[in-house]
C-alpha atoms as a PDB file:
ATOM      1  CA  MET A   1     -13.766  19.391   2.786  1.00  0.00           C
ATOM      2  CA  HIS A   2     -10.686  17.875   4.447  1.00  0.00           C
ATOM      3  CA  LEU A   3      -9.074  14.937   3.047  1.00  0.00           C
ATOM      4  CA  TYR A   4      -6.395  13.086   4.768  1.00  0.00           C
ATOM      5  CA  GLY A   5      -4.410   9.740   4.271  1.00  0.00           C
ATOM      6  CA  THR A   6      -2.792   7.024   6.567  1.00  0.00           C
ATOM      7  CA  ALA A   7      -0.269   4.267   5.727  1.00  0.00           C
ATOM      8  CA  MET A   8       1.331   1.632   7.602  1.00  0.00           C
ATOM      9  CA  VAL A   9       4.943   1.091   6.035  1.00  0.00           C
ATOM     10  CA  ARG A  10       7.971  -1.224   6.661  1.00  0.00           C
ATOM     11  CA  ASN A  11      11.229  -1.055   4.590  1.00  0.00           C
ATOM     12  CA  GLU A  12       9.885   1.065   1.590  1.00  0.00           C
ATOM     13  CA  ALA A  13      13.043   3.398   1.336  1.00  0.00           C
ATOM     14  CA  ASP A  14      13.060   2.946  -2.388  1.00  0.00           C
ATOM     15  CA  ILE A  15       9.586   4.606  -2.945  1.00  0.00           C
ATOM     16  CA  ILE A  16       8.513   6.228   0.289  1.00  0.00           C
ATOM     17  CA  GLU A  17       9.658   9.611  -0.649  1.00  0.00           C
ATOM     18  CA  ALA A  18       7.653   9.517  -4.001  1.00  0.00           C
ATOM     19  CA  PHE A  19       4.718   8.143  -1.977  1.00  0.00           C
ATOM     20  CA  VAL A  20       4.750  10.975   0.304  1.00  0.00           C
ATOM     21  CA  ARG A  21       5.306  13.909  -2.215  1.00  0.00           C
ATOM     22  CA  HIS A  22       2.894  12.597  -4.655  1.00  0.00           C
ATOM     23  CA  ASN A  23      -0.091  11.929  -2.291  1.00  0.00           C
ATOM     24  CA  LEU A  24       0.561  15.237  -0.448  1.00  0.00           C
ATOM     25  CA  THR A  25      -0.247  17.119  -3.887  1.00  0.00           C
ATOM     26  CA  VAL A  26      -3.864  16.038  -3.407  1.00  0.00           C
ATOM     27  CA  LEU A  27      -4.320  15.275   0.310  1.00  0.00           C
ATOM     28  CA  ASP A  28      -4.352  17.914   3.205  1.00  0.00           C
ATOM     29  CA  GLY A  29      -2.196  15.629   5.455  1.00  0.00           C
ATOM     30  CA  LEU A  30      -0.546  12.323   5.670  1.00  0.00           C
ATOM     31  CA  ALA A  31      -0.223   9.948   8.879  1.00  0.00           C
ATOM     32  CA  ILE A  32       2.468   7.221   8.611  1.00  0.00           C
ATOM     33  CA  VAL A  33       2.983   4.399  11.047  1.00  0.00           C
ATOM     34  CA  ASP A  34       6.714   3.228  10.516  1.00  0.00           C
ATOM     35  CA  HIS A  35       6.489  -0.408  11.399  1.00  0.00           C
ATOM     36  CA  GLY A  36       9.996  -1.332  12.281  1.00  0.00           C
ATOM     37  CA  SER A  37      11.867  -0.153   9.106  1.00  0.00           C
ATOM     38  CA  CYS A  38      15.676  -0.505   8.948  1.00  0.00           C
ATOM     39  CA  ASP A  39      16.423   0.197   5.304  1.00  0.00           C
ATOM     40  CA  GLY A  40      16.541   3.965   5.368  1.00  0.00           C
ATOM     41  CA  THR A  41      12.732   4.646   5.352  1.00  0.00           C
ATOM     42  CA  SER A  42      12.862   5.999   8.900  1.00  0.00           C
ATOM     43  CA  GLU A  43      15.687   8.610   7.906  1.00  0.00           C
ATOM     44  CA  ILE A  44      13.809   9.503   4.758  1.00  0.00           C
ATOM     45  CA  LEU A  45      10.523  10.181   6.616  1.00  0.00           C
ATOM     46  CA  ALA A  46      12.209  12.247   9.214  1.00  0.00           C
ATOM     47  CA  ASN A  47      13.856  14.457   6.583  1.00  0.00           C
ATOM     48  CA  LEU A  48      10.500  14.948   4.985  1.00  0.00           C
ATOM     49  CA  VAL A  49       9.000  15.889   8.416  1.00  0.00           C
ATOM     50  CA  ALA A  50      11.824  18.318   9.082  1.00  0.00           C
ATOM     51  CA  GLU A  51      10.888  20.062   5.743  1.00  0.00           C
ATOM     52  CA  GLY A  52       7.607  21.148   7.091  1.00  0.00           C
ATOM     53  CA  LEU A  53       5.369  19.002   5.118  1.00  0.00           C
ATOM     54  CA  PRO A  54       1.884  18.135   6.496  1.00  0.00           C
ATOM     55  CA  LEU A  55       3.141  14.415   7.665  1.00  0.00           C
ATOM     56  CA  THR A  56       3.175  12.850  10.979  1.00  0.00           C
ATOM     57  CA  VAL A  57       5.048   9.640  11.679  1.00  0.00           C
ATOM     58  CA  VAL A  58       4.809   7.466  14.532  1.00  0.00           C
ATOM     59  CA  SER A  59       6.837   4.273  15.103  1.00  0.00           C
ATOM     60  CA  SER A  60       5.465   0.812  15.909  1.00  0.00           C
ATOM     61  CA  GLU A  61       7.461  -1.766  17.584  1.00  0.00           C
ATOM     62  CA  VAL A  62       5.016  -4.517  17.104  1.00  0.00           C
ATOM     63  CA  ILE A  63       6.728  -7.368  15.404  1.00  0.00           C
ATOM     64  CA  ALA A  64       3.826  -9.248  13.730  1.00  0.00           C
ATOM     65  CA  TYR A  65       2.045  -8.001  10.716  1.00  0.00           C
ATOM     66  CA  SER A  66      -0.919  -6.603  12.716  1.00  0.00           C
ATOM     67  CA  GLN A  67      -2.074  -4.273   9.745  1.00  0.00           C
ATOM     68  CA  SER A  68      -5.747  -4.427  10.613  1.00  0.00           C
ATOM     69  CA  ALA A  69      -5.271  -3.225  14.148  1.00  0.00           C
ATOM     70  CA  ILE A  70      -2.477  -0.741  13.561  1.00  0.00           C
ATOM     71  CA  THR A  71      -4.354   0.798  10.681  1.00  0.00           C
ATOM     72  CA  THR A  72      -7.659   1.073  12.389  1.00  0.00           C
ATOM     73  CA  LYS A  73      -6.027   2.770  15.427  1.00  0.00           C
ATOM     74  CA  SER A  74      -4.182   5.263  12.763  1.00  0.00           C
ATOM     75  CA  VAL A  75      -7.587   6.008  11.104  1.00  0.00           C
ATOM     76  CA  ARG A  76      -9.120   6.864  14.442  1.00  0.00           C
ATOM     77  CA  ASP A  77      -6.063   9.068  15.510  1.00  0.00           C
ATOM     78  CA  VAL A  78      -6.293  10.948  12.283  1.00  0.00           C
ATOM     79  CA  PHE A  79      -9.998  11.689  12.844  1.00  0.00           C
ATOM     80  CA  ALA A  80      -9.541  12.526  16.452  1.00  0.00           C
ATOM     81  CA  ASN A  81      -6.614  14.918  15.879  1.00  0.00           C
ATOM     82  CA  THR A  82      -7.505  16.503  12.497  1.00  0.00           C
ATOM     83  CA  PRO A  83     -10.635  17.906  10.715  1.00  0.00           C
ATOM     84  CA  ALA A  84     -10.570  14.984   8.308  1.00  0.00           C
ATOM     85  CA  ASP A  85     -13.999  14.333   6.678  1.00  0.00           C
ATOM     86  CA  PHE A  86     -12.289  11.369   4.851  1.00  0.00           C
ATOM     87  CA  VAL A  87      -9.255   9.211   5.482  1.00  0.00           C
ATOM     88  CA  PHE A  88      -7.706   7.277   2.299  1.00  0.00           C
ATOM     89  CA  VAL A  89      -6.178   4.279   3.610  1.00  0.00           C
ATOM     90  CA  ILE A  90      -3.138   3.558   1.386  1.00  0.00           C
ATOM     91  CA  ASP A  91      -0.041   1.612   1.135  1.00  0.00           C
ATOM     92  CA  ALA A  92       3.626   2.968   0.285  1.00  0.00           C
ATOM     93  CA  ASP A  93       3.385   1.497  -3.098  1.00  0.00           C
ATOM     94  CA  GLU A  94       0.111   3.313  -3.882  1.00  0.00           C
ATOM     95  CA  PHE A  95      -0.563   6.671  -5.633  1.00  0.00           C
ATOM     96  CA  LEU A  96      -3.726   8.570  -5.720  1.00  0.00           C
ATOM     97  CA  LYS A  97      -5.060   9.393  -9.045  1.00  0.00           C
ATOM     98  CA  ILE A  98      -7.274  12.570  -8.496  1.00  0.00           C
ATOM     99  CA  PRO A  99      -7.302  14.616 -11.440  1.00  0.00           C
ATOM    100  CA  SER A 100      -9.699  17.156  -9.888  1.00  0.00           C
ATOM    101  CA  ARG A 101      -9.821  17.867  -6.240  1.00  0.00           C
ATOM    102  CA  SER A 102     -13.297  19.734  -6.645  1.00  0.00           C
ATOM    103  CA  LEU A 103     -14.730  16.685  -8.352  1.00  0.00           C
ATOM    104  CA  VAL A 104     -13.619  14.042  -5.846  1.00  0.00           C
ATOM    105  CA  GLU A 105     -14.958  16.250  -3.069  1.00  0.00           C
ATOM    106  CA  ASP A 106     -18.395  16.673  -4.909  1.00  0.00           C
ATOM    107  CA  VAL A 107     -18.399  12.898  -5.266  1.00  0.00           C
ATOM    108  CA  LEU A 108     -17.569  12.023  -1.599  1.00  0.00           C
ATOM    109  CA  GLY A 109     -19.840  14.938  -0.473  1.00  0.00           C
ATOM    110  CA  HIS A 110     -22.873  12.927  -2.041  1.00  0.00           C
ATOM    111  CA  LEU A 111     -22.172   9.515  -0.632  1.00  0.00           C
ATOM    112  CA  PRO A 112     -25.321   7.799   0.690  1.00  0.00           C
ATOM    113  CA  GLY A 113     -25.475   8.151   4.456  1.00  0.00           C
ATOM    114  CA  GLY A 114     -23.586   5.700   6.567  1.00  0.00           C
ATOM    115  CA  MET A 115     -21.350   4.411   3.543  1.00  0.00           C
ATOM    116  CA  HIS A 116     -17.764   4.439   3.031  1.00  0.00           C
ATOM    117  CA  ALA A 117     -16.210   4.843  -0.358  1.00  0.00           C
ATOM    118  CA  LEU A 118     -14.118   2.356  -2.353  1.00  0.00           C
ATOM    119  CA  LEU A 119     -11.285   3.290  -4.997  1.00  0.00           C
ATOM    120  CA  GLN A 120     -10.463   1.080  -8.049  1.00  0.00           C
ATOM    121  CA  TRP A 121      -7.090  -0.634  -7.317  1.00  0.00           C
ATOM    122  CA  GLN A 122      -5.105  -0.235 -10.724  1.00  0.00           C
ATOM    123  CA  THR A 123      -2.089  -2.358 -11.037  1.00  0.00           C
ATOM    124  CA  TYR A 124       1.138  -0.766 -12.802  1.00  0.00           C
ATOM    125  CA  VAL A 125       3.927  -2.816 -14.143  1.00  0.00           C
ATOM    126  CA  PRO A 126       7.318  -1.221 -14.795  1.00  0.00           C
ATOM    127  CA  GLN A 127       9.587  -1.869 -17.660  1.00  0.00           C
ATOM    128  CA  PHE A 128      11.843  -4.228 -15.947  1.00  0.00           C
ATOM    129  CA  ALA A 129      15.391  -4.733 -17.445  1.00  0.00           C
ATOM    130  CA  GLU A 130      18.331  -6.909 -16.245  1.00  0.00           C
ATOM    131  CA  GLY A 131      21.011  -4.918 -14.265  1.00  0.00           C
ATOM    132  CA  GLU A 132      20.750  -1.559 -12.510  1.00  0.00           C
ATOM    133  CA  VAL A 133      17.328  -0.218 -11.439  1.00  0.00           C
ATOM    134  CA  PRO A 134      16.480   3.133 -12.684  1.00  0.00           C
ATOM    135  CA  GLU A 135      15.804   6.199 -10.625  1.00  0.00           C
ATOM    136  CA  MET A 136      12.398   5.975  -9.056  1.00  0.00           C
ATOM    137  CA  ARG A 137      10.674   8.673 -11.038  1.00  0.00           C
ATOM    138  CA  VAL A 138      11.961   7.096 -14.237  1.00  0.00           C
ATOM    139  CA  LEU A 139      10.846   3.609 -12.917  1.00  0.00           C
ATOM    140  CA  LEU A 140       7.355   5.128 -12.259  1.00  0.00           C
ATOM    141  CA  ALA A 141       7.021   6.930 -15.377  1.00  0.00           C
ATOM    142  CA  SER A 142       7.927   3.737 -17.313  1.00  0.00           C
ATOM    143  CA  SER A 143       5.082   1.727 -15.549  1.00  0.00           C
ATOM    144  CA  GLN A 144       2.025   0.864 -17.590  1.00  0.00           C
ATOM    145  CA  ARG A 145      -1.631   0.159 -16.283  1.00  0.00           C
ATOM    146  CA  LEU A 146      -3.062  -3.242 -16.705  1.00  0.00           C
ATOM    147  CA  VAL A 147      -6.009  -2.702 -19.329  1.00  0.00           C
ATOM    148  CA  GLU A 148      -8.175  -5.216 -17.202  1.00  0.00           C
ATOM    149  CA  GLU A 149      -7.908  -6.002 -13.507  1.00  0.00           C
ATOM    150  CA  ARG A 150      -8.696  -9.653 -12.869  1.00  0.00           C
ATOM    151  CA  HIS A 151      -8.983  -9.389  -9.263  1.00  0.00           C
ATOM    152  CA  SER A 152     -12.214  -7.897  -7.558  1.00  0.00           C
ATOM    153  CA  LEU A 153     -10.371  -5.770  -4.945  1.00  0.00           C
ATOM    154  CA  HIS A 154     -10.842  -2.217  -4.095  1.00  0.00           C
ATOM    155  CA  LYS A 155      -9.196   0.166  -1.577  1.00  0.00           C
ATOM    156  CA  VAL A 156     -11.367   2.010   1.126  1.00  0.00           C
ATOM    157  CA  VAL A 157     -11.749   5.663   1.929  1.00  0.00           C
ATOM    158  CA  VAL A 158     -13.220   5.935   5.405  1.00  0.00           C
ATOM    159  CA  ALA A 159     -15.805   8.491   6.340  1.00  0.00           C
ATOM    160  CA  ARG A 160     -15.835  10.180   9.566  1.00  0.00           C
ATOM    161  CA  HIS A 161     -18.970   8.485  10.666  1.00  0.00           C
ATOM    162  CA  PHE A 162     -16.502   5.682  11.517  1.00  0.00           C
ATOM    163  CA  MET A 163     -15.783   7.258  14.552  1.00  0.00           C
ATOM    164  CA  ASN A 164     -19.578   6.630  15.702  1.00  0.00           C
ATOM    165  CA  ALA A 165     -18.886   2.861  15.472  1.00  0.00           C
ATOM    166  CA  PRO A 166     -16.353   1.816  18.251  1.00  0.00           C
ATOM    167  CA  ASP A 167     -16.342  -1.751  16.987  1.00  0.00           C
ATOM    168  CA  ALA A 168     -15.550  -1.143  13.267  1.00  0.00           C
ATOM    169  CA  PHE A 169     -12.492  -1.866  11.934  1.00  0.00           C
ATOM    170  CA  ILE A 170     -10.287  -1.790   8.602  1.00  0.00           C
ATOM    171  CA  GLU A 171      -9.974  -5.277   7.233  1.00  0.00           C
ATOM    172  CA  ILE A 172      -6.374  -6.589   6.564  1.00  0.00           C
ATOM    173  CA  GLY A 173      -5.393  -5.230   3.148  1.00  0.00           C
ATOM    174  CA  ASN A 174      -7.381  -2.081   3.616  1.00  0.00           C
ATOM    175  CA  HIS A 175      -9.969  -3.303   1.297  1.00  0.00           C
ATOM    176  CA  VAL A 176     -13.123  -2.630   3.316  1.00  0.00           C
ATOM    177  CA  VAL A 177     -14.662  -1.343   6.589  1.00  0.00           C
ATOM    178  CA  ARG A 178     -16.148  -4.147   8.732  1.00  0.00           C
ATOM    179  CA  PRO A 179     -18.670  -3.173  11.456  1.00  0.00           C
ATOM    180  CA  SER A 180     -17.207  -5.689  14.168  1.00  0.00           C
ATOM    181  CA  LYS A 181     -15.184  -8.448  14.644  1.00  0.00           C
ATOM    182  CA  ALA A 182     -18.182 -10.612  15.494  1.00  0.00           C
ATOM    183  CA  HIS A 183     -20.148  -9.574  12.467  1.00  0.00           C
ATOM    184  CA  VAL A 184     -20.731 -12.148  10.026  1.00  0.00           C
ATOM    185  CA  ILE A 185     -19.170 -11.144   6.780  1.00  0.00           C
ATOM    186  CA  ASP A 186     -22.164 -10.095   4.506  1.00  0.00           C
ATOM    187  CA  ARG A 187     -21.389  -7.427   1.923  1.00  0.00           C
ATOM    188  CA  LEU A 188     -24.961  -6.624   1.496  1.00  0.00           C
ATOM    189  CA  SER A 189     -25.432  -5.717   5.186  1.00  0.00           C
ATOM    190  CA  ASN A 190     -22.219  -3.586   4.895  1.00  0.00           C
ATOM    191  CA  PRO A 191     -22.201  -1.669   1.720  1.00  0.00           C
ATOM    192  CA  HIS A 192     -19.525   0.693   0.208  1.00  0.00           C
ATOM    193  CA  ALA A 193     -19.900   2.961  -2.587  1.00  0.00           C
ATOM    194  CA  ARG A 194     -17.637   2.520  -5.518  1.00  0.00           C
ATOM    195  CA  ILE A 195     -15.924   5.696  -6.944  1.00  0.00           C
ATOM    196  CA  ASN A 196     -15.863   6.175 -10.766  1.00  0.00           C
ATOM    197  CA  PRO A 197     -12.174   5.958 -11.429  1.00  0.00           C
ATOM    198  CA  THR A 198     -12.503   9.142 -13.602  1.00  0.00           C
ATOM    199  CA  ALA A 199     -12.906  11.024 -10.282  1.00  0.00           C
ATOM    200  CA  ALA A 200     -10.469   9.036  -8.126  1.00  0.00           C
ATOM    201  CA  ALA A 201      -8.280   5.737  -8.388  1.00  0.00           C
ATOM    202  CA  LEU A 202      -5.248   4.252  -6.807  1.00  0.00           C
ATOM    203  CA  ALA A 203      -2.025   3.278  -8.827  1.00  0.00           C
ATOM    204  CA  HIS A 204      -0.626   0.337  -7.416  1.00  0.00           C
ATOM    205  CA  VAL A 205       3.268  -0.550  -8.135  1.00  0.00           C
ATOM    206  CA  PRO A 206       3.832  -3.523  -5.837  1.00  0.00           C
ATOM    207  CA  VAL A 207       7.103  -4.654  -7.847  1.00  0.00           C
ATOM    208  CA  ARG A 208       9.953  -2.527  -8.693  1.00  0.00           C
ATOM    209  CA  SER A 209      13.195  -4.531  -8.266  1.00  0.00           C
ATOM    210  CA  ALA A 210      14.523  -7.900  -7.439  1.00  0.00           C
ATOM    211  CA  ASP A 211      15.996  -6.540  -4.172  1.00  0.00           C
ATOM    212  CA  GLN A 212      12.806  -4.661  -3.150  1.00  0.00           C
ATOM    213  CA  PHE A 213      10.376  -7.594  -3.915  1.00  0.00           C
ATOM    214  CA  SER A 214      12.534 -10.339  -2.282  1.00  0.00           C
ATOM    215  CA  ALA A 215      13.045  -8.177   0.968  1.00  0.00           C
ATOM    216  CA  LYS A 216       9.329  -7.327   0.965  1.00  0.00           C
ATOM    217  CA  ILE A 217       8.183 -10.891   0.699  1.00  0.00           C
ATOM    218  CA  ALA A 218      10.673 -12.514   3.123  1.00  0.00           C
ATOM    219  CA  VAL A 219      10.245  -9.967   5.905  1.00  0.00           C
ATOM    220  CA  GLY A 220       6.470  -9.744   5.260  1.00  0.00           C
ATOM    221  CA  TRP A 221       5.829 -13.398   5.164  1.00  0.00           C
ATOM    222  CA  LEU A 222       7.669 -13.941   8.491  1.00  0.00           C
ATOM    223  CA  ALA A 223       5.887 -11.081  10.158  1.00  0.00           C
ATOM    224  CA  PHE A 224       2.524 -12.514   8.916  1.00  0.00           C
ATOM    225  CA  LEU A 225       3.629 -15.988  10.421  1.00  0.00           C
ATOM    226  CA  ALA A 226       4.308 -14.244  13.814  1.00  0.00           C
ATOM    227  CA  THR A 227       0.775 -13.220  14.048  1.00  0.00           C
ATOM    228  CA  HIS A 228      -0.050 -16.942  14.228  1.00  0.00           C
ATOM    229  CA  SER A 229      -3.149 -16.551  11.880  1.00  0.00           C
ATOM    230  CA  ASP A 230      -4.977 -19.608  10.693  1.00  0.00           C
ATOM    231  CA  ASP A 231      -6.631 -18.113   7.855  1.00  0.00           C
ATOM    232  CA  PRO A 232      -5.381 -19.861   4.782  1.00  0.00           C
ATOM    233  CA  ASP A 233      -6.778 -17.104   2.432  1.00  0.00           C
ATOM    234  CA  THR A 234      -4.938 -14.131   3.914  1.00  0.00           C
ATOM    235  CA  THR A 235      -1.969 -12.814   1.914  1.00  0.00           C
ATOM    236  CA  PHE A 236      -1.939 -16.129  -0.044  1.00  0.00           C
ATOM    237  CA  HIS A 237       0.209 -14.162  -2.683  1.00  0.00           C
ATOM    238  CA  TRP A 238       2.780 -13.426  -0.127  1.00  0.00           C
ATOM    239  CA  ARG A 239       2.968 -17.150   0.694  1.00  0.00           C
ATOM    240  CA  GLU A 240       3.226 -18.377  -2.775  1.00  0.00           C
ATOM    241  CA  ALA A 241       6.066 -15.775  -3.562  1.00  0.00           C
ATOM    242  CA  TYR A 242       7.808 -16.536  -0.466  1.00  0.00           C
ATOM    243  CA  ARG A 243       7.896 -20.371  -1.409  1.00  0.00           C
ATOM    244  CA  ASP A 244       9.469 -19.420  -4.907  1.00  0.00           C
ATOM    245  CA  ILE A 245      12.158 -17.198  -3.267  1.00  0.00           C
ATOM    246  CA  ALA A 246      12.895 -20.047  -0.721  1.00  0.00           C
ATOM    247  CA  ASN A 247      12.971 -22.537  -3.407  1.00  0.00           C
ATOM    248  CA  GLY A 248      15.782 -20.627  -5.278  1.00  0.00           C
ATOM    249  CA  GLN A 249      13.621 -18.871  -8.066  1.00  0.00           C
ATOM    250  CA  THR A 250      15.793 -16.483  -9.894  1.00  0.00           C
ATOM    251  CA  LEU A 251      14.185 -12.908  -9.908  1.00  0.00           C
ATOM    252  CA  SER A 252      14.845 -12.197 -13.428  1.00  0.00           C
ATOM    253  CA  ALA A 253      13.164  -9.264 -15.385  1.00  0.00           C
ATOM    254  CA  GLN A 254      10.865 -11.737 -16.814  1.00  0.00           C
ATOM    255  CA  PHE A 255       9.913 -13.218 -13.601  1.00  0.00           C
ATOM    256  CA  LEU A 256       9.304  -9.793 -11.936  1.00  0.00           C
ATOM    257  CA  SER A 257       6.988  -8.926 -14.919  1.00  0.00           C
ATOM    258  CA  THR A 258       5.095 -12.113 -14.462  1.00  0.00           C
ATOM    259  CA  ILE A 259       4.581 -11.445 -10.616  1.00  0.00           C
ATOM    260  CA  ALA A 260       3.500  -7.675 -11.352  1.00  0.00           C
ATOM    261  CA  CYS A 261       1.122  -8.683 -14.187  1.00  0.00           C
ATOM    262  CA  ASN A 262      -0.647 -11.483 -11.912  1.00  0.00           C
ATOM    263  CA  TYR A 263      -0.357  -9.638  -8.611  1.00  0.00           C
ATOM    264  CA  SER A 264      -3.219 -10.581  -6.114  1.00  0.00           C
ATOM    265  CA  LEU A 265      -3.946 -13.646  -8.123  1.00  0.00           C
ATOM    266  CA  ARG A 266      -3.622 -17.266  -7.383  1.00  0.00           C
ATOM    267  CA  LYS A 267      -1.132 -18.958  -9.505  1.00  0.00           C
ATOM    268  CA  SER A 268      -3.630 -21.077 -11.075  1.00  0.00           C
ATOM    269  CA  ARG A 269      -4.901 -17.943 -12.800  1.00  0.00           C
ATOM    270  CA  TRP A 270      -1.532 -16.387 -13.893  1.00  0.00           C
ATOM    271  CA  LEU A 271      -1.055 -15.641 -17.369  1.00  0.00           C
ATOM    272  CA  PRO A 272       2.366 -14.884 -19.298  1.00  0.00           C
ATOM    273  CA  PRO A 273       3.140 -11.101 -19.312  1.00  0.00           C
ATOM    274  CA  ALA A 274       2.677 -11.142 -23.066  1.00  0.00           C
ATOM    275  CA  GLN A 275      -1.020 -12.129 -22.613  1.00  0.00           C
ATOM    276  CA  VAL A 276      -1.791  -9.173 -20.301  1.00  0.00           C
ATOM    277  CA  PRO A 277      -2.570  -6.100 -22.134  1.00  0.00           C
ATOM    278  CA  ARG A 278      -1.151  -2.937 -20.595  1.00  0.00           C
ATOM    279  CA  VAL A 279      -1.475   0.774 -21.679  1.00  0.00           C
ATOM    280  CA  ALA A 280       0.308   3.910 -20.844  1.00  0.00           C
ATOM    281  CA  ASP A 281      -1.549   5.980 -18.142  1.00  0.00           C
ATOM    282  CA  PRO A 282       0.879   8.341 -16.273  1.00  0.00           C
ATOM    283  CA  PHE A 283      -0.131   9.100 -12.786  1.00  0.00           C
ATOM    284  CA  LEU A 284       3.025  10.576 -11.012  1.00  0.00           C
ATOM    285  CA  ALA A 285       2.717  14.250 -10.077  1.00  0.00           C
ATOM    286  CA  GLU A 286       5.743  16.637 -10.817  1.00  0.00           C
ATOM    287  CA  ILE A 287       7.955  15.910  -7.904  1.00  0.00           C
ATOM    288  CA  GLU A 288      11.546  16.190  -6.996  1.00  0.00           C
ATOM    289  CA  LEU A 289      13.344  13.400  -4.937  1.00  0.00           C
ATOM    290  CA  LYS A 290      16.047  14.375  -2.636  1.00  0.00           C
ATOM    291  CA  TYR A 291      16.785  11.228  -0.359  1.00  0.00           C
ATOM    292  CA  ALA A 292      17.425   8.281  -2.690  1.00  0.00           C
ATOM    293  CA  HIS A 293      21.022   7.953  -1.145  1.00  0.00           C
ATOM    294  CA  LEU A 294      19.446   6.996   2.199  1.00  0.00           C
ATOM    295  CA  ASN A 295      18.029   3.677   0.547  1.00  0.00           C
ATOM    296  CA  ARG A 296      19.644   0.630   2.090  1.00  0.00           C
ATOM    297  CA  GLN A 297      17.184  -2.066   0.629  1.00  0.00           C
ATOM    298  CA  ARG A 298      19.541  -5.000   0.141  1.00  0.00           C
ATOM    299  CA  PRO A 299      17.567  -8.160   1.135  1.00  0.00           C
ATOM    300  CA  LEU A 300      19.903 -10.050   3.351  1.00  0.00           C
ATOM    301  CA  PRO A 301      20.615  -7.417   5.920  1.00  0.00           C
ATOM    302  CA  LEU A 302      16.981  -6.723   6.279  1.00  0.00           C
ATOM    303  CA  VAL A 303      16.000 -10.300   6.571  1.00  0.00           C
ATOM    304  CA  LEU A 304      18.576 -10.859   9.150  1.00  0.00           C
ATOM    305  CA  ALA A 305      17.690  -7.719  11.108  1.00  0.00           C
ATOM    306  CA  PHE A 306      14.044  -8.752  11.145  1.00  0.00           C
ATOM    307  CA  ALA A 307      15.120 -12.521  12.168  1.00  0.00           C
ATOM    308  CA  GLU A 308      17.054 -11.053  15.200  1.00  0.00           C
ATOM    309  CA  ARG A 309      14.161  -8.910  16.112  1.00  0.00           C
ATOM    310  CA  LEU A 310      11.765 -11.976  16.047  1.00  0.00           C
ATOM    311  CA  ILE A 311      14.134 -14.192  18.068  1.00  0.00           C
ATOM    312  CA  ARG A 312      14.710 -11.569  20.754  1.00  0.00           C
ATOM    313  CA  GLY A 313      11.044 -10.825  20.797  1.00  0.00           C
ATOM    314  CA  GLY A 314      11.318  -7.165  19.847  1.00  0.00           C
END
C-alpha cells in the first residue's frame, strides 16, 4: 500500500522542517503547496527538496485563503502523479502518530467500500515560558496532549476512489470530503470511517510562540477576508483571536496556554488552563533539524509584506 500526504502552508518556518522530516518517517511521499510564504519557509523547503527527500513543492500565488480549492487540487494531483492509495490531508502544525505502518495499512485496507477515513485530532500544548522560545524539538517534546478533546473535529484521509467523483472536494479545514458543492450537508449520506487512535492519530500543535501565533492569526484572517466569504462559522477561532490581537491583548505565556488549551472552541466554552487536564504522550520521531537559522518569523514584517501583496492584488 502507498501512503502519501499533502499540505497547504504559509509562513511556517519555525515548524516546517520538523513537519516534513517527521511525517516522511511514515509516509511514502509528501506534496506541499507553498501559499505565499515570506518567512523562510520557502528556503527551508528548497533545502529539503535538495536533500533528495520524497517531497514535492509547488507555489501558489493566490492571495486569498482558498484552502478548499487549493487542497482539493493538490489531492487530485497526488493521485494522478503517484501510486498513492490514500492521501493524508494535513497542516504544517500536525504530526502523524502511526506506531505501526503495517497496522494502519491493514486498517485502511479494510475500510468499507466508498468511504474515506478520519483521524482523531489531538491537541498538544507546549510548556510556555516568558522569554526566549526553545529549539523546536525541545518545544515539541515538552508538549502535552489534552486528556479530552472538547471539539468533535477530525482530519480526513482521502481514498483513491476520490478520483471517481469529479465534483467531490475537501472541505475547508481538511475535516471531511464533500460529494459536491451543491450537496446538502448530511453526514449520514456522506459517511467517513473513524480510525482507532491506537492505529493512527494526528498530533496538533497550533500555538508555539507569541510571534508565530500573532503572525499566523493576522495574516490568516486577512487572507480569509480576501475570500469575501459570508459564512460566519468558518474559521471563527481566527476571527476571535484576531480581535484580541487588534485590541492589544498581551500574548503572555499564560494567554498562549489558554489559547492552546481551548483551540477550536468558541470563547463561551473556554476553560482556564489549570482546569484542562493534560498528559505526556510523546509523538516526535528521532529527527535532526538543520535549517532553524532560516526562520524569519517576526510578525510585523510578515503582516506588512502580506498587506502590500493584498493592496497590489498579487
